[in-house]
Amino acid sequence: MSECIIARQPIFDVNLKIYGYELLFRRISNNNSADFDPEEATSSVLVNGMFVIGLEELTKGKPAF
């Protein structure tokens, strides 16, 4: 599995309060190629988000998508 960064994008409610976060994959690479395996990206977000970083740390208790 390649090294990656997990980005989070806030999802707001109708009152512009943060409802939750969309977790996104960003690969660290010297190669500017956009080619990547989407299944690897998904597994990287899940593994790193839940087990390495911790979902609570990423979302502060808010839902993650």
C-alpha atoms as a PDB file:
ATOM      1  CA  MET A   1       0.000   0.000   0.000  1.00  0.00           C
ATOM      2  CA  SER A   2       1.395   3.435  -0.896  1.00  0.00           C
ATOM      3  CA  GLU A   3       1.791   6.251   1.585  1.00  0.00           C
ATOM      4  CA  CYS A   4      -1.222   8.540   1.680  1.00  0.00           C
ATOM      5  CA  ILE A   5      -2.772  11.567   3.293  1.00  0.00           C
ATOM      6  CA  ILE A   6      -6.375  11.581   4.442  1.00  0.00           C
ATOM      7  CA  ALA A   7      -8.116  14.872   3.767  1.00  0.00           C
ATOM      8  CA  ARG A   8     -11.408  15.738   5.369  1.00  0.00           C
ATOM      9  CA  GLN A   9     -14.041  17.967   3.847  1.00  0.00           C
ATOM     10  CA  PRO A  10     -16.736  19.352   6.140  1.00  0.00           C
ATOM     11  CA  ILE A  11     -20.399  18.666   5.435  1.00  0.00           C
ATOM     12  CA  PHE A  12     -22.608  21.456   6.747  1.00  0.00           C
ATOM     13  CA  ASP A  13     -26.209  21.391   7.937  1.00  0.00           C
ATOM     14  CA  VAL A  14     -28.811  24.041   6.983  1.00  0.00           C
ATOM     15  CA  ASN A  15     -27.510  26.289   9.791  1.00  0.00           C
ATOM     16  CA  LEU A  16     -23.933  26.085   8.437  1.00  0.00           C
ATOM     17  CA  LYS A  17     -22.787  24.008  11.400  1.00  0.00           C
ATOM     18  CA  ILE A  18     -20.497  21.076  10.656  1.00  0.00           C
ATOM     19  CA  TYR A  19     -22.638  17.938  10.498  1.00  0.00           C
ATOM     20  CA  GLY A  20     -19.836  15.526   9.579  1.00  0.00           C
ATOM     21  CA  TYR A  21     -16.871  14.997   7.284  1.00  0.00           C
ATOM     22  CA  GLU A  22     -16.218  13.355   3.944  1.00  0.00           C
ATOM     23  CA  LEU A  23     -12.888  11.526   4.202  1.00  0.00           C
ATOM     24  CA  LEU A  24     -10.784  11.706   1.046  1.00  0.00           C
ATOM     25  CA  PHE A  25      -7.684   9.891  -0.201  1.00  0.00           C
ATOM     26  CA  ARG A  26      -4.568  11.802  -1.266  1.00  0.00           C
ATOM     27  CA  ARG A  27      -1.563   9.744  -2.367  1.00  0.00           C
ATOM     28  CA  ILE A  28       1.959  10.966  -1.590  1.00  0.00           C
ATOM     29  CA  SER A  29       3.999  10.496  -4.728  1.00  0.00           C
ATOM     30  CA  ASN A  30       6.716  12.133  -6.773  1.00  0.00           C
ATOM     31  CA  ASN A  31       4.912  10.799  -9.831  1.00  0.00           C
ATOM     32  CA  ASN A  32       2.341  13.296 -11.142  1.00  0.00           C
ATOM     33  CA  SER A  33       0.360  10.512 -12.755  1.00  0.00           C
ATOM     34  CA  ALA A  34      -3.319  10.462 -11.805  1.00  0.00           C
ATOM     35  CA  ASP A  35      -3.387   6.652 -12.104  1.00  0.00           C
ATOM     36  CA  PHE A  36      -4.331   4.898  -8.878  1.00  0.00           C
ATOM     37  CA  ASP A  37      -6.367   1.929  -7.834  1.00  0.00           C
ATOM     38  CA  PRO A  38      -9.709   3.125  -6.381  1.00  0.00           C
ATOM     39  CA  GLU A  39      -9.929   0.036  -4.174  1.00  0.00           C
ATOM     40  CA  GLU A  40      -6.478   0.807  -2.762  1.00  0.00           C
ATOM     41  CA  ALA A  41      -7.579   4.406  -2.128  1.00  0.00           C
ATOM     42  CA  THR A  42     -10.680   3.262  -0.249  1.00  0.00           C
ATOM     43  CA  SER A  43      -8.764   0.738   1.834  1.00  0.00           C
ATOM     44  CA  SER A  44      -6.097   3.361   2.662  1.00  0.00           C
ATOM     45  CA  VAL A  45      -8.745   5.772   3.943  1.00  0.00           C
ATOM     46  CA  LEU A  46     -10.397   3.048   6.023  1.00  0.00           C
ATOM     47  CA  VAL A  47      -7.219   1.562   7.486  1.00  0.00           C
ATOM     48  CA  ASN A  48      -5.466   4.859   8.185  1.00  0.00           C
ATOM     49  CA  GLY A  49      -8.606   6.684   9.264  1.00  0.00           C
ATOM     50  CA  MET A  50      -9.894   4.048  11.638  1.00  0.00           C
ATOM     51  CA  PHE A  51      -6.806   2.283  12.924  1.00  0.00           C
ATOM     52  CA  VAL A  52      -3.729   4.477  12.441  1.00  0.00           C
ATOM     53  CA  ILE A  53      -5.075   7.975  13.090  1.00  0.00           C
ATOM     54  CA  GLY A  54      -8.358   7.077  14.744  1.00  0.00           C
ATOM     55  CA  LEU A  55     -11.814   8.067  13.626  1.00  0.00           C
ATOM     56  CA  GLU A  56     -12.454  10.082  16.798  1.00  0.00           C
ATOM     57  CA  GLU A  57      -9.306  12.130  16.132  1.00  0.00           C
ATOM     58  CA  LEU A  58     -10.324  12.791  12.513  1.00  0.00           C
ATOM     59  CA  THR A  59     -13.972  13.670  13.115  1.00  0.00           C
ATOM     60  CA  LYS A  60     -14.192  14.738  16.777  1.00  0.00           C
ATOM     61  CA  GLY A  61     -17.238  12.494  17.187  1.00  0.00           C
ATOM     62  CA  LYS A  62     -19.078  13.668  14.073  1.00  0.00           C
ATOM     63  CA  PRO A  63     -20.209  11.236  11.321  1.00  0.00           C
ATOM     64  CA  ALA A  64     -17.711  10.275   8.628  1.00  0.00           C
ATOM     65  CA  PHE A  65     -18.586   9.547   5.020  1.00  0.00           C
END
